């Protein structure tokens, strides 16, 4: 069974762009997370897996943890704000606002 995550990140900081400083896993992305997110910009990425998956991302001081698999979906957004979160069968969507 395949599980798909669509993640949208939006930088609402009025002062600075954000840079991806760490990412795990690095492989397996249908469309990878952006390495650079300008102030006011948003970008989406997606990953598909056939097993459980733990994802970690760091943009500046924002550390984000996501778990997907076996019909469950969890997110530890750190200091990012969850704007939208949806689980529909084996598909999950998450929108995070970084400020």
PDB file of N, CA and C in Angstrom:
ATOM      1  N   UNK A   1       0.841  -1.171   0.000  1.00  0.00           N
ATOM      2  CA  UNK A   1       0.000   0.000   0.000  1.00  0.00           C
ATOM      3  C   UNK A   1       0.896   1.247   0.000  1.00  0.00           C
ATOM      4  N   UNK A   2       0.597   2.176  -0.869  1.00  0.00           N
ATOM      5  CA  UNK A   2       1.379   3.412  -0.941  1.00  0.00           C
ATOM      6  C   UNK A   2       0.750   4.502  -0.097  1.00  0.00           C
ATOM      7  N   UNK A   3       1.595   5.284   0.542  1.00  0.00           N
ATOM      8  CA  UNK A   3       1.196   6.454   1.323  1.00  0.00           C
ATOM      9  C   UNK A   3       1.837   7.669   0.664  1.00  0.00           C
ATOM     10  N   UNK A   4       1.077   8.736   0.496  1.00  0.00           N
ATOM     11  CA  UNK A   4       1.593   9.943  -0.139  1.00  0.00           C
ATOM     12  C   UNK A   4       1.389  11.137   0.782  1.00  0.00           C
ATOM     13  N   UNK A   5       2.413  11.961   0.865  1.00  0.00           N
ATOM     14  CA  UNK A   5       2.352  13.209   1.622  1.00  0.00           C
ATOM     15  C   UNK A   5       2.606  14.367   0.678  1.00  0.00           C
ATOM     16  N   UNK A   6       1.705  15.346   0.700  1.00  0.00           N
ATOM     17  CA  UNK A   6       1.940  16.614   0.006  1.00  0.00           C
ATOM     18  C   UNK A   6       2.139  17.661   1.099  1.00  0.00           C
ATOM     19  N   UNK A   7       3.284  18.279   1.112  1.00  0.00           N
ATOM     20  CA  UNK A   7       3.652  19.264   2.112  1.00  0.00           C
ATOM     21  C   UNK A   7       3.816  20.623   1.444  1.00  0.00           C
ATOM     22  N   UNK A   8       3.111  21.616   1.973  1.00  0.00           N
ATOM     23  CA  UNK A   8       3.256  22.992   1.488  1.00  0.00           C
ATOM     24  C   UNK A   8       3.858  23.823   2.609  1.00  0.00           C
ATOM     25  N   UNK A   9       4.906  24.559   2.287  1.00  0.00           N
ATOM     26  CA  UNK A   9       5.589  25.432   3.245  1.00  0.00           C
ATOM     27  C   UNK A   9       5.441  26.872   2.768  1.00  0.00           C
ATOM     28  N   UNK A  10       5.123  27.760   3.695  1.00  0.00           N
ATOM     29  CA  UNK A  10       5.009  29.179   3.350  1.00  0.00           C
ATOM     30  C   UNK A  10       5.824  29.997   4.337  1.00  0.00           C
ATOM     31  N   UNK A  11       6.678  30.867   3.802  1.00  0.00           N
ATOM     32  CA  UNK A  11       7.523  31.735   4.616  1.00  0.00           C
ATOM     33  C   UNK A  11       6.812  33.077   4.799  1.00  0.00           C
ATOM     34  N   UNK A  12       6.309  33.324   6.000  1.00  0.00           N
ATOM     35  CA  UNK A  12       5.636  34.589   6.282  1.00  0.00           C
ATOM     36  C   UNK A  12       6.546  35.584   6.993  1.00  0.00           C
ATOM     37  N   UNK A  13       7.817  35.273   7.062  1.00  0.00           N
ATOM     38  CA  UNK A  13       8.765  36.207   7.664  1.00  0.00           C
ATOM     39  C   UNK A  13       8.880  37.434   6.772  1.00  0.00           C
ATOM     40  N   UNK A  14       8.795  38.594   7.371  1.00  0.00           N
ATOM     41  CA  UNK A  14       8.888  39.822   6.586  1.00  0.00           C
ATOM     42  C   UNK A  14      10.338  40.255   6.388  1.00  0.00           C
ATOM     43  N   UNK A  15      11.261  39.528   7.005  1.00  0.00           N
ATOM     44  CA  UNK A  15      12.644  40.000   6.995  1.00  0.00           C
ATOM     45  C   UNK A  15      13.624  39.149   6.218  1.00  0.00           C
ATOM     46  N   UNK A  16      13.430  37.820   6.196  1.00  0.00           N
ATOM     47  CA  UNK A  16      14.508  37.028   5.611  1.00  0.00           C
ATOM     48  C   UNK A  16      14.021  35.768   4.923  1.00  0.00           C
ATOM     49  N   UNK A  17      14.783  35.332   3.920  1.00  0.00           N
ATOM     50  CA  UNK A  17      14.494  34.048   3.285  1.00  0.00           C
ATOM     51  C   UNK A  17      14.894  32.909   4.227  1.00  0.00           C
ATOM     52  N   UNK A  18      14.363  31.732   3.976  1.00  0.00           N
ATOM     53  CA  UNK A  18      14.714  30.559   4.756  1.00  0.00           C
ATOM     54  C   UNK A  18      15.449  29.571   3.857  1.00  0.00           C
ATOM     55  N   UNK A  19      16.417  28.871   4.429  1.00  0.00           N
ATOM     56  CA  UNK A  19      17.213  27.901   3.686  1.00  0.00           C
ATOM     57  C   UNK A  19      17.080  26.538   4.354  1.00  0.00           C
ATOM     58  N   UNK A  20      16.917  25.500   3.560  1.00  0.00           N
ATOM     59  CA  UNK A  20      16.842  24.133   4.063  1.00  0.00           C
ATOM     60  C   UNK A  20      18.240  23.711   4.500  1.00  0.00           C
ATOM     61  N   UNK A  21      18.414  23.474   5.801  1.00  0.00           N
ATOM     62  CA  UNK A  21      19.743  23.117   6.300  1.00  0.00           C
ATOM     63  C   UNK A  21      19.862  21.636   6.628  1.00  0.00           C
ATOM     64  N   UNK A  22      18.740  20.934   6.809  1.00  0.00           N
ATOM     65  CA  UNK A  22      18.809  19.483   6.978  1.00  0.00           C
ATOM     66  C   UNK A  22      17.503  18.857   6.513  1.00  0.00           C
ATOM     67  N   UNK A  23      17.620  17.641   5.982  1.00  0.00           N
ATOM     68  CA  UNK A  23      16.481  16.918   5.445  1.00  0.00           C
ATOM     69  C   UNK A  23      16.740  15.428   5.561  1.00  0.00           C
ATOM     70  N   UNK A  24      15.774  14.699   6.090  1.00  0.00           N
ATOM     71  CA  UNK A  24      15.837  13.238   6.105  1.00  0.00           C
ATOM     72  C   UNK A  24      14.426  12.717   5.881  1.00  0.00           C
ATOM     73  N   UNK A  25      14.220  11.794   4.991  1.00  0.00           N
ATOM     74  CA  UNK A  25      15.196  11.238   4.068  1.00  0.00           C
ATOM     75  C   UNK A  25      15.458  12.192   2.905  1.00  0.00           C
ATOM     76  N   UNK A  26      16.602  12.050   2.301  1.00  0.00           N
ATOM     77  CA  UNK A  26      16.962  12.897   1.157  1.00  0.00           C
ATOM     78  C   UNK A  26      16.449  12.308  -0.155  1.00  0.00           C
ATOM     79  N   UNK A  27      16.232  10.998  -0.174  1.00  0.00           N
ATOM     80  CA  UNK A  27      15.805  10.308  -1.390  1.00  0.00           C
ATOM     81  C   UNK A  27      14.324   9.944  -1.317  1.00  0.00           C
ATOM     82  N   UNK A  28      13.750   9.664  -2.481  1.00  0.00           N
ATOM     83  CA  UNK A  28      12.378   9.185  -2.541  1.00  0.00           C
ATOM     84  C   UNK A  28      11.336  10.258  -2.780  1.00  0.00           C
ATOM     85  N   UNK A  29      11.752  11.503  -2.883  1.00  0.00           N
ATOM     86  CA  UNK A  29      10.804  12.599  -3.080  1.00  0.00           C
ATOM     87  C   UNK A  29      10.336  12.640  -4.536  1.00  0.00           C
ATOM     88  N   UNK A  30       9.032  12.756  -4.742  1.00  0.00           N
ATOM     89  CA  UNK A  30       8.473  12.973  -6.074  1.00  0.00           C
ATOM     90  C   UNK A  30       8.880  14.371  -6.530  1.00  0.00           C
ATOM     91  N   UNK A  31       8.675  15.328  -5.650  1.00  0.00           N
ATOM     92  CA  UNK A  31       9.169  16.693  -5.835  1.00  0.00           C
ATOM     93  C   UNK A  31       9.770  17.099  -4.497  1.00  0.00           C
ATOM     94  N   UNK A  32      11.058  17.401  -4.456  1.00  0.00           N
ATOM     95  CA  UNK A  32      11.752  17.648  -3.188  1.00  0.00           C
ATOM     96  C   UNK A  32      11.369  18.988  -2.554  1.00  0.00           C
ATOM     97  N   UNK A  33      11.588  19.107  -1.237  1.00  0.00           N
ATOM     98  CA  UNK A  33      11.359  20.386  -0.565  1.00  0.00           C
ATOM     99  C   UNK A  33      12.281  21.457  -1.147  1.00  0.00           C
ATOM    100  N   UNK A  34      11.826  22.699  -1.155  1.00  0.00           N
ATOM    101  CA  UNK A  34      12.669  23.765  -1.698  1.00  0.00           C
ATOM    102  C   UNK A  34      13.896  23.988  -0.809  1.00  0.00           C
ATOM    103  N   UNK A  35      15.019  24.271  -1.441  1.00  0.00           N
ATOM    104  CA  UNK A  35      16.238  24.569  -0.680  1.00  0.00           C
ATOM    105  C   UNK A  35      16.246  26.018  -0.204  1.00  0.00           C
ATOM    106  N   UNK A  36      15.462  26.853  -0.851  1.00  0.00           N
ATOM    107  CA  UNK A  36      15.416  28.286  -0.544  1.00  0.00           C
ATOM    108  C   UNK A  36      13.958  28.725  -0.621  1.00  0.00           C
ATOM    109  N   UNK A  37      13.502  29.439   0.385  1.00  0.00           N
ATOM    110  CA  UNK A  37      12.121  29.927   0.418  1.00  0.00           C
ATOM    111  C   UNK A  37      12.155  31.414   0.764  1.00  0.00           C
ATOM    112  N   UNK A  38      11.948  32.251  -0.259  1.00  0.00           N
ATOM    113  CA  UNK A  38      11.971  33.695  -0.051  1.00  0.00           C
ATOM    114  C   UNK A  38      10.835  34.148   0.842  1.00  0.00           C
ATOM    115  N   UNK A  39      11.018  35.285   1.449  1.00  0.00           N
ATOM    116  CA  UNK A  39       9.996  35.889   2.289  1.00  0.00           C
ATOM    117  C   UNK A  39       8.723  36.095   1.473  1.00  0.00           C
ATOM    118  N   UNK A  40       7.592  35.624   1.989  1.00  0.00           N
ATOM    119  CA  UNK A  40       6.317  35.753   1.300  1.00  0.00           C
ATOM    120  C   UNK A  40       6.025  34.655   0.301  1.00  0.00           C
ATOM    121  N   UNK A  41       6.981  33.768   0.041  1.00  0.00           N
ATOM    122  CA  UNK A  41       6.799  32.700  -0.939  1.00  0.00           C
ATOM    123  C   UNK A  41       6.274  31.421  -0.291  1.00  0.00           C
ATOM    124  N   UNK A  42       5.661  30.579  -1.125  1.00  0.00           N
ATOM    125  CA  UNK A  42       5.211  29.256  -0.711  1.00  0.00           C
ATOM    126  C   UNK A  42       5.676  28.246  -1.750  1.00  0.00           C
ATOM    127  N   UNK A  43       5.899  27.015  -1.318  1.00  0.00           N
ATOM    128  CA  UNK A  43       6.315  25.944  -2.225  1.00  0.00           C
ATOM    129  C   UNK A  43       5.778  24.628  -1.689  1.00  0.00           C
ATOM    130  N   UNK A  44       5.492  23.718  -2.607  1.00  0.00           N
ATOM    131  CA  UNK A  44       4.989  22.401  -2.229  1.00  0.00           C
ATOM    132  C   UNK A  44       5.979  21.324  -2.644  1.00  0.00           C
ATOM    133  N   UNK A  45       5.931  20.210  -1.914  1.00  0.00           N
ATOM    134  CA  UNK A  45       6.744  19.056  -2.232  1.00  0.00           C
ATOM    135  C   UNK A  45       5.911  17.819  -1.923  1.00  0.00           C
ATOM    136  N   UNK A  46       6.354  16.668  -2.408  1.00  0.00           N
ATOM    137  CA  UNK A  46       5.592  15.439  -2.199  1.00  0.00           C
ATOM    138  C   UNK A  46       6.530  14.246  -2.124  1.00  0.00           C
ATOM    139  N   UNK A  47       6.102  13.267  -1.322  1.00  0.00           N
ATOM    140  CA  UNK A  47       6.858  12.020  -1.187  1.00  0.00           C
ATOM    141  C   UNK A  47       5.861  10.872  -1.082  1.00  0.00           C
ATOM    142  N   UNK A  48       6.244   9.729  -1.638  1.00  0.00           N
ATOM    143  CA  UNK A  48       5.419   8.521  -1.572  1.00  0.00           C
ATOM    144  C   UNK A  48       6.255   7.409  -0.975  1.00  0.00           C
ATOM    145  N   UNK A  49       5.618   6.588  -0.127  1.00  0.00           N
ATOM    146  CA  UNK A  49       6.315   5.470   0.492  1.00  0.00           C
ATOM    147  C   UNK A  49       5.378   4.278   0.593  1.00  0.00           C
ATOM    148  N   UNK A  50       5.944   3.087   0.654  1.00  0.00           N
ATOM    149  CA  UNK A  50       5.148   1.878   0.845  1.00  0.00           C
ATOM    150  C   UNK A  50       5.247   1.370   2.275  1.00  0.00           C
ATOM    151  N   UNK A  51       5.996   2.075   3.110  1.00  0.00           N
ATOM    152  CA  UNK A  51       6.135   1.684   4.513  1.00  0.00           C
ATOM    153  C   UNK A  51       6.025   2.932   5.385  1.00  0.00           C
ATOM    154  N   UNK A  52       6.244   2.767   6.664  1.00  0.00           N
ATOM    155  CA  UNK A  52       6.234   3.931   7.547  1.00  0.00           C
ATOM    156  C   UNK A  52       7.411   4.831   7.216  1.00  0.00           C
ATOM    157  N   UNK A  53       7.205   6.122   7.422  1.00  0.00           N
ATOM    158  CA  UNK A  53       8.230   7.087   7.055  1.00  0.00           C
ATOM    159  C   UNK A  53       8.281   8.195   8.092  1.00  0.00           C
ATOM    160  N   UNK A  54       9.467   8.487   8.569  1.00  0.00           N
ATOM    161  CA  UNK A  54       9.697   9.626   9.455  1.00  0.00           C
ATOM    162  C   UNK A  54      10.486  10.659   8.667  1.00  0.00           C
ATOM    163  N   UNK A  55       9.985  11.888   8.640  1.00  0.00           N
ATOM    164  CA  UNK A  55      10.610  12.970   7.876  1.00  0.00           C
ATOM    165  C   UNK A  55      11.016  14.067   8.845  1.00  0.00           C
ATOM    166  N   UNK A  56      12.220  14.578   8.682  1.00  0.00           N
ATOM    167  CA  UNK A  56      12.642  15.750   9.450  1.00  0.00           C
ATOM    168  C   UNK A  56      13.193  16.793   8.484  1.00  0.00           C
ATOM    169  N   UNK A  57      12.817  18.045   8.748  1.00  0.00           N
ATOM    170  CA  UNK A  57      13.291  19.177   7.946  1.00  0.00           C
ATOM    171  C   UNK A  57      13.699  20.288   8.904  1.00  0.00           C
ATOM    172  N   UNK A  58      14.686  21.058   8.496  1.00  0.00           N
ATOM    173  CA  UNK A  58      15.074  22.240   9.263  1.00  0.00           C
ATOM    174  C   UNK A  58      15.267  23.402   8.290  1.00  0.00           C
ATOM    175  N   UNK A  59      14.488  24.459   8.545  1.00  0.00           N
ATOM    176  CA  UNK A  59      14.611  25.720   7.809  1.00  0.00           C
ATOM    177  C   UNK A  59      14.977  26.781   8.834  1.00  0.00           C
ATOM    178  N   UNK A  60      16.208  27.247   8.816  1.00  0.00           N
ATOM    179  CA  UNK A  60      16.637  28.224   9.818  1.00  0.00           C
ATOM    180  C   UNK A  60      16.450  27.636  11.206  1.00  0.00           C
ATOM    181  N   UNK A  61      15.663  28.292  12.032  1.00  0.00           N
ATOM    182  CA  UNK A  61      15.416  27.796  13.391  1.00  0.00           C
ATOM    183  C   UNK A  61      14.191  26.892  13.465  1.00  0.00           C
ATOM    184  N   UNK A  62      13.515  26.673  12.353  1.00  0.00           N
ATOM    185  CA  UNK A  62      12.303  25.851  12.323  1.00  0.00           C
ATOM    186  C   UNK A  62      12.666  24.381  12.119  1.00  0.00           C
ATOM    187  N   UNK A  63      12.379  23.546  13.124  1.00  0.00           N
ATOM    188  CA  UNK A  63      12.613  22.111  13.043  1.00  0.00           C
ATOM    189  C   UNK A  63      11.249  21.434  12.969  1.00  0.00           C
ATOM    190  N   UNK A  64      11.029  20.627  11.927  1.00  0.00           N
ATOM    191  CA  UNK A  64       9.733  20.018  11.667  1.00  0.00           C
ATOM    192  C   UNK A  64       9.898  18.512  11.608  1.00  0.00           C
ATOM    193  N   UNK A  65       9.009  17.789  12.279  1.00  0.00           N
ATOM    194  CA  UNK A  65       9.002  16.333  12.231  1.00  0.00           C
ATOM    195  C   UNK A  65       7.651  15.836  11.755  1.00  0.00           C
ATOM    196  N   UNK A  66       7.665  14.866  10.850  1.00  0.00           N
ATOM    197  CA  UNK A  66       6.433  14.316  10.279  1.00  0.00           C
ATOM    198  C   UNK A  66       6.535  12.800  10.264  1.00  0.00           C
ATOM    199  N   UNK A  67       5.441  12.135  10.617  1.00  0.00           N
ATOM    200  CA  UNK A  67       5.381  10.671  10.572  1.00  0.00           C
ATOM    201  C   UNK A  67       4.194  10.270   9.704  1.00  0.00           C
ATOM    202  N   UNK A  68       4.432   9.331   8.793  1.00  0.00           N
ATOM    203  CA  UNK A  68       3.402   8.882   7.868  1.00  0.00           C
ATOM    204  C   UNK A  68       3.510   7.375   7.711  1.00  0.00           C
ATOM    205  N   UNK A  69       2.378   6.673   7.772  1.00  0.00           N
ATOM    206  CA  UNK A  69       2.383   5.239   7.516  1.00  0.00           C
ATOM    207  C   UNK A  69       1.360   4.496   8.325  1.00  0.00           C
ATOM    208  N   UNK A  70       0.997   3.313   7.853  1.00  0.00           N
ATOM    209  CA  UNK A  70       0.022   2.445   8.509  1.00  0.00           C
ATOM    210  C   UNK A  70      -1.274   3.162   8.859  1.00  0.00           C
ATOM    211  N   UNK A  71      -1.736   4.019   7.965  1.00  0.00           N
ATOM    212  CA  UNK A  71      -3.001   4.717   8.174  1.00  0.00           C
ATOM    213  C   UNK A  71      -2.937   5.839   9.183  1.00  0.00           C
ATOM    214  N   UNK A  72      -1.727   6.195   9.626  1.00  0.00           N
ATOM    215  CA  UNK A  72      -1.596   7.284  10.597  1.00  0.00           C
ATOM    216  C   UNK A  72      -0.749   8.407  10.006  1.00  0.00           C
ATOM    217  N   UNK A  73      -0.965   9.575  10.568  1.00  0.00           N
ATOM    218  CA  UNK A  73      -0.235  10.760  10.130  1.00  0.00           C
ATOM    219  C   UNK A  73      -0.031  11.634  11.353  1.00  0.00           C
ATOM    220  N   UNK A  74       1.189  12.059  11.594  1.00  0.00           N
ATOM    221  CA  UNK A  74       1.477  12.926  12.727  1.00  0.00           C
ATOM    222  C   UNK A  74       2.480  13.985  12.345  1.00  0.00           C
ATOM    223  N   UNK A  75       2.367  15.127  13.013  1.00  0.00           N
ATOM    224  CA  UNK A  75       3.264  16.237  12.722  1.00  0.00           C
ATOM    225  C   UNK A  75       3.656  16.933  14.003  1.00  0.00           C
ATOM    226  N   UNK A  76       4.950  17.167  14.161  1.00  0.00           N
ATOM    227  CA  UNK A  76       5.458  18.026  15.219  1.00  0.00           C
ATOM    228  C   UNK A  76       6.017  19.246  14.503  1.00  0.00           C
ATOM    229  N   UNK A  77       5.217  20.325  14.416  1.00  0.00           N
ATOM    230  CA  UNK A  77       5.631  21.468  13.610  1.00  0.00           C
ATOM    231  C   UNK A  77       6.660  22.382  14.265  1.00  0.00           C
ATOM    232  N   UNK A  78       7.057  22.065  15.502  1.00  0.00           N
ATOM    233  CA  UNK A  78       7.963  22.981  16.190  1.00  0.00           C
ATOM    234  C   UNK A  78       7.282  24.321  16.357  1.00  0.00           C
ATOM    235  N   UNK A  79       7.943  25.406  15.956  1.00  0.00           N
ATOM    236  CA  UNK A  79       7.332  26.729  16.091  1.00  0.00           C
ATOM    237  C   UNK A  79       6.629  27.188  14.816  1.00  0.00           C
ATOM    238  N   UNK A  80       6.503  26.296  13.840  1.00  0.00           N
ATOM    239  CA  UNK A  80       5.713  26.609  12.644  1.00  0.00           C
ATOM    240  C   UNK A  80       4.230  26.451  13.000  1.00  0.00           C
ATOM    241  N   UNK A  81       3.385  27.130  12.254  1.00  0.00           N
ATOM    242  CA  UNK A  81       1.943  27.059  12.493  1.00  0.00           C
ATOM    243  C   UNK A  81       1.308  26.131  11.462  1.00  0.00           C
ATOM    244  N   UNK A  82       0.501  25.185  11.945  1.00  0.00           N
ATOM    245  CA  UNK A  82      -0.227  24.299  11.045  1.00  0.00           C
ATOM    246  C   UNK A  82      -1.439  25.060  10.523  1.00  0.00           C
ATOM    247  N   UNK A  83      -1.454  25.293   9.219  1.00  0.00           N
ATOM    248  CA  UNK A  83      -2.582  26.004   8.608  1.00  0.00           C
ATOM    249  C   UNK A  83      -3.641  25.020   8.116  1.00  0.00           C
ATOM    250  N   UNK A  84      -3.180  23.881   7.621  1.00  0.00           N
ATOM    251  CA  UNK A  84      -4.111  22.880   7.084  1.00  0.00           C
ATOM    252  C   UNK A  84      -3.493  21.508   7.272  1.00  0.00           C
ATOM    253  N   UNK A  85      -4.330  20.548   7.687  1.00  0.00           N
ATOM    254  CA  UNK A  85      -3.880  19.178   7.871  1.00  0.00           C
ATOM    255  C   UNK A  85      -5.037  18.268   7.472  1.00  0.00           C
ATOM    256  N   UNK A  86      -4.760  17.320   6.564  1.00  0.00           N
ATOM    257  CA  UNK A  86      -5.820  16.457   6.071  1.00  0.00           C
ATOM    258  C   UNK A  86      -5.276  15.056   5.834  1.00  0.00           C
ATOM    259  N   UNK A  87      -5.999  14.057   6.312  1.00  0.00           N
ATOM    260  CA  UNK A  87      -5.656  12.661   6.055  1.00  0.00           C
ATOM    261  C   UNK A  87      -6.863  12.038   5.377  1.00  0.00           C
ATOM    262  N   UNK A  88      -6.644  11.490   4.190  1.00  0.00           N
ATOM    263  CA  UNK A  88      -7.720  10.883   3.410  1.00  0.00           C
ATOM    264  C   UNK A  88      -7.237   9.525   2.922  1.00  0.00           C
ATOM    265  N   UNK A  89      -7.553   8.474   3.671  1.00  0.00           N
ATOM    266  CA  UNK A  89      -7.081   7.136   3.307  1.00  0.00           C
ATOM    267  C   UNK A  89      -5.573   7.053   3.422  1.00  0.00           C
ATOM    268  N   UNK A  90      -4.909   6.904   2.298  1.00  0.00           N
ATOM    269  CA  UNK A  90      -3.447   6.774   2.298  1.00  0.00           C
ATOM    270  C   UNK A  90      -2.772   8.027   1.746  1.00  0.00           C
ATOM    271  N   UNK A  91      -3.490   9.126   1.783  1.00  0.00           N
ATOM    272  CA  UNK A  91      -2.957  10.408   1.281  1.00  0.00           C
ATOM    273  C   UNK A  91      -3.080  11.447   2.391  1.00  0.00           C
ATOM    274  N   UNK A  92      -2.009  12.191   2.600  1.00  0.00           N
ATOM    275  CA  UNK A  92      -2.007  13.247   3.618  1.00  0.00           C
ATOM    276  C   UNK A  92      -1.553  14.541   2.985  1.00  0.00           C
ATOM    277  N   UNK A  93      -2.158  15.640   3.446  1.00  0.00           N
ATOM    278  CA  UNK A  93      -1.756  16.980   3.022  1.00  0.00           C
ATOM    279  C   UNK A  93      -1.505  17.813   4.256  1.00  0.00           C
ATOM    280  N   UNK A  94      -0.455  18.614   4.199  1.00  0.00           N
ATOM    281  CA  UNK A  94      -0.076  19.447   5.333  1.00  0.00           C
ATOM    282  C   UNK A  94       0.437  20.794   4.804  1.00  0.00           C
ATOM    283  N   UNK A  95      -0.088  21.880   5.371  1.00  0.00           N
ATOM    284  CA  UNK A  95       0.402  23.214   5.052  1.00  0.00           C
ATOM    285  C   UNK A  95       0.942  23.832   6.329  1.00  0.00           C
ATOM    286  N   UNK A  96       2.215  24.241   6.295  1.00  0.00           N
ATOM    287  CA  UNK A  96       2.867  24.865   7.455  1.00  0.00           C
ATOM    288  C   UNK A  96       3.286  26.288   7.112  1.00  0.00           C
ATOM    289  N   UNK A  97       3.064  27.184   8.066  1.00  0.00           N
ATOM    290  CA  UNK A  97       3.456  28.584   7.914  1.00  0.00           C
ATOM    291  C   UNK A  97       4.665  28.828   8.816  1.00  0.00           C
ATOM    292  N   UNK A  98       5.751  29.276   8.221  1.00  0.00           N
ATOM    293  CA  UNK A  98       6.990  29.586   8.941  1.00  0.00           C
ATOM    294  C   UNK A  98       7.098  31.103   9.046  1.00  0.00           C
ATOM    295  N   UNK A  99       7.291  31.597  10.249  1.00  0.00           N
ATOM    296  CA  UNK A  99       7.398  33.060  10.398  1.00  0.00           C
ATOM    297  C   UNK A  99       8.507  33.429  11.349  1.00  0.00           C
TER     298      UNK A  99
END
